[in-house]
Amino acid sequence: MYELDYSKMGVRICQVRKLKGLSQIELAKKCGISLSFMGHIERGTKK
């Protein structure tokens, strides 16, 4: 078994978000989470 690298995952989420032309707030609204939490996810500081 392996551990997930949340920092790499966050970077990938950020890359795809930008490719799709979405802001953090737009993606956060689509996901039903706060902008603050979306920032933590992209930085890999929260799961």
PDB file of N, CA and C in Angstrom:
ATOM      1  N   MET A   1       0.837  -1.184   0.000  1.00  0.00           N
ATOM      2  CA  MET A   1       0.000   0.000   0.000  1.00  0.00           C
ATOM      3  C   MET A   1       0.879   1.242   0.000  1.00  0.00           C
ATOM      4  N   TYR A   2       0.336   2.345  -0.468  1.00  0.00           N
ATOM      5  CA  TYR A   2       1.102   3.586  -0.547  1.00  0.00           C
ATOM      6  C   TYR A   2       0.312   4.740   0.052  1.00  0.00           C
ATOM      7  N   GLU A   3       1.034   5.796   0.381  1.00  0.00           N
ATOM      8  CA  GLU A   3       0.386   6.993   0.923  1.00  0.00           C
ATOM      9  C   GLU A   3       0.184   8.004  -0.191  1.00  0.00           C
ATOM     10  N   LEU A   4      -0.908   8.709  -0.124  1.00  0.00           N
ATOM     11  CA  LEU A   4      -1.168   9.755  -1.106  1.00  0.00           C
ATOM     12  C   LEU A   4      -0.310  10.974  -0.811  1.00  0.00           C
ATOM     13  N   ASP A   5       0.179  11.603  -1.863  1.00  0.00           N
ATOM     14  CA  ASP A   5       0.953  12.835  -1.730  1.00  0.00           C
ATOM     15  C   ASP A   5      -0.023  13.990  -1.971  1.00  0.00           C
ATOM     16  N   TYR A   6      -0.523  14.567  -0.883  1.00  0.00           N
ATOM     17  CA  TYR A   6      -1.544  15.601  -0.988  1.00  0.00           C
ATOM     18  C   TYR A   6      -1.020  16.884  -1.616  1.00  0.00           C
ATOM     19  N   SER A   7       0.273  17.153  -1.488  1.00  0.00           N
ATOM     20  CA  SER A   7       0.844  18.332  -2.133  1.00  0.00           C
ATOM     21  C   SER A   7       0.795  18.189  -3.646  1.00  0.00           C
ATOM     22  N   LYS A   8       1.195  17.033  -4.149  1.00  0.00           N
ATOM     23  CA  LYS A   8       1.158  16.788  -5.596  1.00  0.00           C
ATOM     24  C   LYS A   8      -0.275  16.778  -6.105  1.00  0.00           C
ATOM     25  N   MET A   9      -1.173  16.214  -5.322  1.00  0.00           N
ATOM     26  CA  MET A   9      -2.574  16.178  -5.717  1.00  0.00           C
ATOM     27  C   MET A   9      -3.123  17.602  -5.822  1.00  0.00           C
ATOM     28  N   GLY A  10      -2.770  18.445  -4.858  1.00  0.00           N
ATOM     29  CA  GLY A  10      -3.227  19.828  -4.866  1.00  0.00           C
ATOM     30  C   GLY A  10      -2.707  20.599  -6.059  1.00  0.00           C
ATOM     31  N   VAL A  11      -1.440  20.362  -6.410  1.00  0.00           N
ATOM     32  CA  VAL A  11      -0.855  21.019  -7.582  1.00  0.00           C
ATOM     33  C   VAL A  11      -1.611  20.595  -8.832  1.00  0.00           C
ATOM     34  N   ARG A  12      -1.928  19.325  -8.925  1.00  0.00           N
ATOM     35  CA  ARG A  12      -2.656  18.806 -10.104  1.00  0.00           C
ATOM     36  C   ARG A  12      -4.063  19.404 -10.172  1.00  0.00           C
ATOM     37  N   ILE A  13      -4.746  19.503  -9.043  1.00  0.00           N
ATOM     38  CA  ILE A  13      -6.079  20.115  -9.016  1.00  0.00           C
ATOM     39  C   ILE A  13      -5.988  21.559  -9.503  1.00  0.00           C
ATOM     40  N   CYS A  14      -4.993  22.284  -9.044  1.00  0.00           N
ATOM     41  CA  CYS A  14      -4.792  23.673  -9.448  1.00  0.00           C
ATOM     42  C   CYS A  14      -4.534  23.769 -10.952  1.00  0.00           C
ATOM     43  N   GLN A  15      -3.696  22.894 -11.484  1.00  0.00           N
ATOM     44  CA  GLN A  15      -3.391  22.902 -12.915  1.00  0.00           C
ATOM     45  C   GLN A  15      -4.646  22.666 -13.756  1.00  0.00           C
ATOM     46  N   VAL A  16      -5.414  21.670 -13.388  1.00  0.00           N
ATOM     47  CA  VAL A  16      -6.623  21.339 -14.144  1.00  0.00           C
ATOM     48  C   VAL A  16      -7.654  22.457 -14.021  1.00  0.00           C
ATOM     49  N   ARG A  17      -7.779  23.027 -12.816  1.00  0.00           N
ATOM     50  CA  ARG A  17      -8.706  24.144 -12.611  1.00  0.00           C
ATOM     51  C   ARG A  17      -8.372  25.288 -13.555  1.00  0.00           C
ATOM     52  N   LYS A  18      -7.090  25.631 -13.631  1.00  0.00           N
ATOM     53  CA  LYS A  18      -6.661  26.735 -14.492  1.00  0.00           C
ATOM     54  C   LYS A  18      -6.857  26.405 -15.970  1.00  0.00           C
ATOM     55  N   LEU A  19      -6.583  25.158 -16.358  1.00  0.00           N
ATOM     56  CA  LEU A  19      -6.804  24.741 -17.747  1.00  0.00           C
ATOM     57  C   LEU A  19      -8.268  24.887 -18.157  1.00  0.00           C
ATOM     58  N   LYS A  20      -9.160  24.655 -17.202  1.00  0.00           N
ATOM     59  CA  LYS A  20     -10.591  24.757 -17.477  1.00  0.00           C
ATOM     60  C   LYS A  20     -11.104  26.185 -17.319  1.00  0.00           C
ATOM     61  N   GLY A  21     -10.209  27.107 -16.949  1.00  0.00           N
ATOM     62  CA  GLY A  21     -10.574  28.516 -16.838  1.00  0.00           C
ATOM     63  C   GLY A  21     -11.429  28.847 -15.628  1.00  0.00           C
ATOM     64  N   LEU A  22     -11.273  28.074 -14.568  1.00  0.00           N
ATOM     65  CA  LEU A  22     -12.054  28.304 -13.358  1.00  0.00           C
ATOM     66  C   LEU A  22     -11.211  29.018 -12.308  1.00  0.00           C
ATOM     67  N   SER A  23     -11.841  29.895 -11.557  1.00  0.00           N
ATOM     68  CA  SER A  23     -11.175  30.501 -10.405  1.00  0.00           C
ATOM     69  C   SER A  23     -11.328  29.553  -9.222  1.00  0.00           C
ATOM     70  N   GLN A  24     -10.576  29.814  -8.164  1.00  0.00           N
ATOM     71  CA  GLN A  24     -10.712  28.988  -6.963  1.00  0.00           C
ATOM     72  C   GLN A  24     -12.130  29.086  -6.408  1.00  0.00           C
ATOM     73  N   ILE A  25     -12.691  30.280  -6.414  1.00  0.00           N
ATOM     74  CA  ILE A  25     -14.041  30.447  -5.847  1.00  0.00           C
ATOM     75  C   ILE A  25     -15.078  29.699  -6.682  1.00  0.00           C
ATOM     76  N   GLU A  26     -14.924  29.701  -8.003  1.00  0.00           N
ATOM     77  CA  GLU A  26     -15.867  28.966  -8.855  1.00  0.00           C
ATOM     78  C   GLU A  26     -15.798  27.468  -8.577  1.00  0.00           C
ATOM     79  N   LEU A  27     -14.583  26.941  -8.479  1.00  0.00           N
ATOM     80  CA  LEU A  27     -14.434  25.505  -8.212  1.00  0.00           C
ATOM     81  C   LEU A  27     -14.930  25.163  -6.815  1.00  0.00           C
ATOM     82  N   ALA A  28     -14.631  26.022  -5.846  1.00  0.00           N
ATOM     83  CA  ALA A  28     -15.101  25.783  -4.480  1.00  0.00           C
ATOM     84  C   ALA A  28     -16.627  25.718  -4.439  1.00  0.00           C
ATOM     85  N   LYS A  29     -17.298  26.641  -5.139  1.00  0.00           N
ATOM     86  CA  LYS A  29     -18.764  26.633  -5.179  1.00  0.00           C
ATOM     87  C   LYS A  29     -19.285  25.352  -5.815  1.00  0.00           C
ATOM     88  N   LYS A  30     -18.656  24.913  -6.911  1.00  0.00           N
ATOM     89  CA  LYS A  30     -19.081  23.670  -7.581  1.00  0.00           C
ATOM     90  C   LYS A  30     -18.907  22.462  -6.675  1.00  0.00           C
ATOM     91  N   CYS A  31     -17.874  22.506  -5.815  1.00  0.00           N
ATOM     92  CA  CYS A  31     -17.585  21.391  -4.901  1.00  0.00           C
ATOM     93  C   CYS A  31     -18.371  21.489  -3.592  1.00  0.00           C
ATOM     94  N   GLY A  32     -18.968  22.657  -3.341  1.00  0.00           N
ATOM     95  CA  GLY A  32     -19.716  22.832  -2.099  1.00  0.00           C
ATOM     96  C   GLY A  32     -18.831  23.028  -0.892  1.00  0.00           C
ATOM     97  N   ILE A  33     -17.655  23.633  -1.112  1.00  0.00           N
ATOM     98  CA  ILE A  33     -16.737  23.897  -0.006  1.00  0.00           C
ATOM     99  C   ILE A  33     -16.370  25.376   0.005  1.00  0.00           C
ATOM    100  N   SER A  34     -15.732  25.826   1.085  1.00  0.00           N
ATOM    101  CA  SER A  34     -15.349  27.236   1.188  1.00  0.00           C
ATOM    102  C   SER A  34     -14.099  27.515   0.348  1.00  0.00           C
ATOM    103  N   LEU A  35     -13.924  28.779   0.014  1.00  0.00           N
ATOM    104  CA  LEU A  35     -12.733  29.200  -0.715  1.00  0.00           C
ATOM    105  C   LEU A  35     -11.478  28.886   0.098  1.00  0.00           C
ATOM    106  N   SER A  36     -11.545  29.115   1.395  1.00  0.00           N
ATOM    107  CA  SER A  36     -10.416  28.836   2.276  1.00  0.00           C
ATOM    108  C   SER A  36     -10.010  27.367   2.209  1.00  0.00           C
ATOM    109  N   PHE A  37     -11.003  26.475   2.266  1.00  0.00           N
ATOM    110  CA  PHE A  37     -10.716  25.046   2.220  1.00  0.00           C
ATOM    111  C   PHE A  37     -10.138  24.660   0.864  1.00  0.00           C
ATOM    112  N   MET A  38     -10.644  25.270  -0.218  1.00  0.00           N
ATOM    113  CA  MET A  38     -10.111  24.990  -1.553  1.00  0.00           C
ATOM    114  C   MET A  38      -8.629  25.377  -1.613  1.00  0.00           C
ATOM    115  N   GLY A  39      -8.281  26.508  -1.011  1.00  0.00           N
ATOM    116  CA  GLY A  39      -6.882  26.922  -0.971  1.00  0.00           C
ATOM    117  C   GLY A  39      -6.017  25.921  -0.225  1.00  0.00           C
ATOM    118  N   HIS A  40      -6.520  25.415   0.880  1.00  0.00           N
ATOM    119  CA  HIS A  40      -5.783  24.400   1.644  1.00  0.00           C
ATOM    120  C   HIS A  40      -5.587  23.130   0.821  1.00  0.00           C
ATOM    121  N   ILE A  41      -6.603  22.736   0.098  1.00  0.00           N
ATOM    122  CA  ILE A  41      -6.499  21.533  -0.732  1.00  0.00           C
ATOM    123  C   ILE A  41      -5.417  21.720  -1.794  1.00  0.00           C
ATOM    124  N   GLU A  42      -5.439  22.864  -2.467  1.00  0.00           N
ATOM    125  CA  GLU A  42      -4.455  23.116  -3.526  1.00  0.00           C
ATOM    126  C   GLU A  42      -3.035  23.205  -2.971  1.00  0.00           C
ATOM    127  N   ARG A  43      -2.892  23.656  -1.740  1.00  0.00           N
ATOM    128  CA  ARG A  43      -1.566  23.729  -1.117  1.00  0.00           C
ATOM    129  C   ARG A  43      -1.155  22.398  -0.480  1.00  0.00           C
ATOM    130  N   GLY A  44      -2.101  21.490  -0.363  1.00  0.00           N
ATOM    131  CA  GLY A  44      -1.808  20.182   0.220  1.00  0.00           C
ATOM    132  C   GLY A  44      -1.747  20.185   1.723  1.00  0.00           C
ATOM    133  N   THR A  45      -2.356  21.205   2.351  1.00  0.00           N
ATOM    134  CA  THR A  45      -2.301  21.303   3.816  1.00  0.00           C
ATOM    135  C   THR A  45      -3.522  20.692   4.491  1.00  0.00           C
ATOM    136  N   LYS A  46      -4.549  20.354   3.715  1.00  0.00           N
ATOM    137  CA  LYS A  46      -5.739  19.690   4.253  1.00  0.00           C
ATOM    138  C   LYS A  46      -6.135  18.564   3.310  1.00  0.00           C
ATOM    139  N   LYS A  47      -6.766  17.558   3.881  1.00  0.00           N
ATOM    140  CA  LYS A  47      -7.210  16.396   3.088  1.00  0.00           C
ATOM    141  C   LYS A  47      -8.648  16.569   2.670  1.00  0.00           C
TER     142      LYS A  47
END
